[in-house]
Amino acid sequence: MAANEAHYTLDLPTFDKPVKVLIVVAPYYKDVADELVAGAKATIEAAGGTWDLVEVPGALEVPTAIAIAERMSNFDGYVALGCVIRGETTHYDTVCNDSSRALTLMGLQGLCIGNGILTVENKAQADVRAEAAGQNKGGGAAAAALHLVALSRKWAAPRDNVGFHSDAIRMAGETTGPETA
């Protein structure tokens, strides 16, 4: 079982400027959600960051809330939290696949998102994964978001002499061409 295996975990990144993270949680299973949020908050604070928290009705609404926040606010990163437990219908597959796909697509567009939406077979699995003092998947999702923020800041640094240059810059260093007699 994965719970008994040792996993390597990166140290939390450090930041020169404060980091502001939005935690978006679907508290359908409130006790699980509360543990996920506790882990995420503690991890963000341990890295010197601040957080804001919003609740949405379900896992399918988490990506939409993040997309709205990205358009209308100033967060550096996002933590997606919730829990989907397999039931008797294919709704489980839809919710798991679509929420994950939406978060991944936003990440590929440059958003710094840690995905902590649990997808489990039963409540016992959810409890083990969510527990802040245990597997701490909420803290892991926050750490993932923080690492992505650190990378985006690292690579956002201004670079000289890379890429295309405007005509004005290029022409300033050019001669006017061959002289005519």
Protein backbone atom coordinates (compact mmCIF):
# COMPACT_ATOMS: atom_id res chain seq x y z
CA MET A 1 0.00 0.00 0.00
CA ALA A 2 1.30 3.46 -0.88
CA ALA A 3 0.73 4.76 2.64
CA ASN A 4 3.55 2.56 3.92
CA GLU A 5 6.09 3.57 1.26
CA ALA A 6 8.66 6.29 1.83
CA HIS A 7 8.40 9.16 -0.65
CA TYR A 8 10.89 11.90 -1.41
CA THR A 9 9.51 15.38 -0.82
CA LEU A 10 11.14 18.57 -2.09
CA ASP A 11 11.96 21.24 0.47
CA LEU A 12 9.56 24.17 0.32
CA PRO A 13 10.76 26.99 -1.90
CA THR A 14 11.79 30.34 -0.47
CA PHE A 15 10.58 33.66 -1.79
CA ASP A 16 11.98 37.19 -1.92
CA LYS A 17 8.53 38.69 -2.44
CA PRO A 18 5.40 37.51 -0.58
CA VAL A 19 3.29 34.80 -2.16
CA LYS A 20 -0.50 35.01 -2.19
CA VAL A 21 -2.35 31.73 -2.78
CA LEU A 22 -6.05 31.04 -3.25
CA ILE A 23 -7.33 27.78 -1.77
CA VAL A 24 -10.48 26.62 -3.54
CA VAL A 25 -12.27 23.77 -1.78
CA ALA A 26 -15.39 21.74 -2.44
CA PRO A 27 -16.50 20.76 1.09
CA TYR A 28 -18.95 18.04 -0.01
CA TYR A 29 -17.30 15.75 2.55
CA LYS A 30 -16.76 18.46 5.17
CA ASP A 31 -14.46 16.56 7.55
CA VAL A 32 -12.18 15.49 4.68
CA ALA A 33 -12.20 19.01 3.25
CA ASP A 34 -11.34 20.53 6.62
CA GLU A 35 -8.25 18.30 6.93
CA LEU A 36 -7.15 19.11 3.36
CA VAL A 37 -7.53 22.84 4.03
CA ALA A 38 -5.63 22.60 7.33
CA GLY A 39 -2.71 20.95 5.57
CA ALA A 40 -2.72 23.50 2.72
CA LYS A 41 -2.86 26.49 5.09
CA ALA A 42 0.01 25.18 7.22
CA THR A 43 2.21 24.54 4.17
CA ILE A 44 1.57 27.98 2.65
CA GLU A 45 2.31 29.65 5.99
CA ALA A 46 5.47 27.57 6.42
CA ALA A 47 6.74 29.04 3.14
CA GLY A 48 5.93 32.57 4.34
CA GLY A 49 2.91 32.90 2.09
CA THR A 50 -0.59 34.15 2.68
CA TRP A 51 -3.81 32.49 1.60
CA ASP A 52 -7.43 33.20 0.95
CA LEU A 53 -10.12 30.51 1.00
CA VAL A 54 -13.27 30.07 -1.04
CA GLU A 55 -15.76 27.22 -1.02
CA VAL A 56 -17.62 25.92 -4.06
CA PRO A 57 -20.42 23.32 -4.25
CA GLY A 58 -18.44 20.48 -5.83
CA ALA A 59 -15.23 19.34 -7.52
CA LEU A 60 -16.50 20.35 -10.95
CA GLU A 61 -16.78 23.96 -9.79
CA VAL A 62 -13.23 24.16 -8.45
CA PRO A 63 -11.59 24.81 -11.86
CA THR A 64 -14.21 27.41 -12.75
CA ALA A 65 -13.60 29.30 -9.50
CA ILE A 66 -9.86 29.27 -10.19
CA ALA A 67 -10.42 30.56 -13.72
CA ILE A 68 -12.60 33.39 -12.40
CA ALA A 69 -10.02 34.29 -9.75
CA GLU A 70 -7.25 34.32 -12.34
CA ARG A 71 -9.18 36.76 -14.52
CA MET A 72 -10.37 39.03 -11.72
CA SER A 73 -7.78 39.00 -8.92
CA ASN A 74 -4.07 38.92 -8.19
CA PHE A 75 -3.18 35.50 -6.80
CA ASP A 76 0.22 33.96 -7.47
CA GLY A 77 -1.00 30.39 -7.21
CA TYR A 78 -3.97 28.17 -6.54
CA VAL A 79 -4.71 25.06 -4.49
CA ALA A 80 -7.61 22.89 -5.66
CA LEU A 81 -9.09 20.74 -2.88
CA GLY A 82 -11.98 18.35 -2.57
CA CYS A 83 -12.89 14.70 -2.49
CA VAL A 84 -14.69 12.45 -4.96
CA ILE A 85 -15.68 9.01 -3.68
CA ARG A 86 -16.68 6.31 -6.15
CA GLY A 87 -20.39 5.62 -6.14
CA GLU A 88 -22.73 3.33 -8.07
CA THR A 89 -22.81 5.37 -11.28
CA THR A 90 -20.36 6.74 -13.84
CA HIS A 91 -20.75 10.23 -12.38
CA TYR A 92 -17.55 9.53 -10.42
CA ASP A 93 -15.58 9.13 -13.66
CA THR A 94 -17.00 12.33 -15.12
CA VAL A 95 -16.23 14.41 -12.04
CA CYS A 96 -12.71 12.99 -11.62
CA ASN A 97 -11.74 13.27 -15.27
CA ASP A 98 -13.29 16.65 -16.02
CA SER A 99 -12.06 18.46 -12.92
CA SER A 100 -8.55 17.08 -13.39
CA ARG A 101 -8.51 17.87 -17.10
CA ALA A 102 -9.65 21.46 -16.53
CA LEU A 103 -6.98 22.04 -13.87
CA THR A 104 -4.30 20.54 -16.11
CA LEU A 105 -5.30 22.71 -19.07
CA MET A 106 -5.14 25.85 -16.93
CA GLY A 107 -1.73 24.75 -15.68
CA LEU A 108 -0.53 24.35 -19.25
CA GLN A 109 -1.66 27.93 -19.85
CA GLY A 110 0.64 29.10 -17.07
CA LEU A 111 -1.44 29.04 -13.89
CA CYS A 112 0.37 27.67 -10.83
CA ILE A 113 -2.08 25.07 -9.51
CA GLY A 114 -1.63 22.29 -6.98
CA ASN A 115 -4.30 19.63 -7.47
CA GLY A 116 -5.43 18.15 -4.17
CA ILE A 117 -8.81 16.81 -5.27
CA LEU A 118 -8.84 13.29 -3.86
CA THR A 119 -10.30 10.55 -6.05
CA VAL A 120 -10.87 7.49 -3.90
CA GLU A 121 -12.86 4.29 -3.64
CA ASN A 122 -14.22 4.87 -0.13
CA LYS A 123 -14.34 7.25 2.81
CA ALA A 124 -11.59 5.41 4.70
CA GLN A 125 -9.15 6.07 1.86
CA ALA A 126 -10.16 9.74 1.84
CA ASP A 127 -9.61 10.08 5.59
CA VAL A 128 -6.10 8.58 5.40
CA ARG A 129 -5.05 10.80 2.49
CA ALA A 130 -6.56 14.01 3.87
CA GLU A 131 -5.25 13.86 7.43
CA ALA A 132 -2.91 16.82 7.92
CA ALA A 133 -0.80 14.82 10.38
CA GLY A 134 -0.74 11.85 7.97
CA GLN A 135 -0.47 11.76 4.20
CA ASN A 136 -1.40 15.46 4.11
CA LYS A 137 -2.50 15.65 0.47
CA GLY A 138 -3.75 19.20 1.08
CA GLY A 139 -0.26 20.24 2.15
CA GLY A 140 1.18 18.40 -0.84
CA ALA A 141 -1.09 20.29 -3.23
CA ALA A 142 -0.08 23.59 -1.61
CA ALA A 143 3.60 22.66 -1.91
CA ALA A 144 3.09 21.86 -5.62
CA ALA A 145 1.50 25.27 -6.20
CA LEU A 146 4.34 26.99 -4.32
CA HIS A 147 6.99 25.19 -6.36
CA LEU A 148 5.27 26.28 -9.57
CA VAL A 149 5.10 29.88 -8.34
CA ALA A 150 8.84 29.72 -7.59
CA LEU A 151 9.55 28.41 -11.10
CA SER A 152 7.38 31.05 -12.75
CA ARG A 153 9.17 33.79 -10.82
CA LYS A 154 12.57 32.33 -11.67
CA TRP A 155 11.84 32.18 -15.37
CA ALA A 156 10.04 35.54 -15.47
CA ALA A 157 13.32 37.38 -14.84
CA PRO A 158 14.22 39.84 -17.59
CA ARG A 159 16.71 38.51 -20.13
CA ASP A 160 18.98 40.54 -22.36
CA ASN A 161 19.68 39.73 -26.00
CA VAL A 162 17.17 36.89 -26.21
CA GLY A 163 14.43 36.63 -28.81
CA PHE A 164 13.28 39.16 -31.33
CA HIS A 165 14.17 42.82 -31.12
CA SER A 166 12.19 45.77 -32.37
CA ASP A 167 13.34 47.52 -35.55
CA ALA A 168 14.38 50.60 -33.57
CA ILE A 169 16.80 48.61 -31.42
CA ARG A 170 18.19 46.62 -34.34
CA MET A 171 18.56 49.68 -36.58
CA ALA A 172 20.44 51.63 -33.93
CA GLY A 173 23.38 49.28 -34.37
CA GLU A 174 23.30 49.05 -38.17
CA THR A 175 25.11 51.11 -40.74
CA THR A 176 23.17 52.77 -43.52
CA GLY A 177 24.70 50.52 -46.18
CA PRO A 178 27.40 50.91 -48.79
CA GLU A 179 28.51 54.41 -49.57
CA THR A 180 27.89 55.68 -53.07
CA ALA A 181 30.23 57.95 -54.94
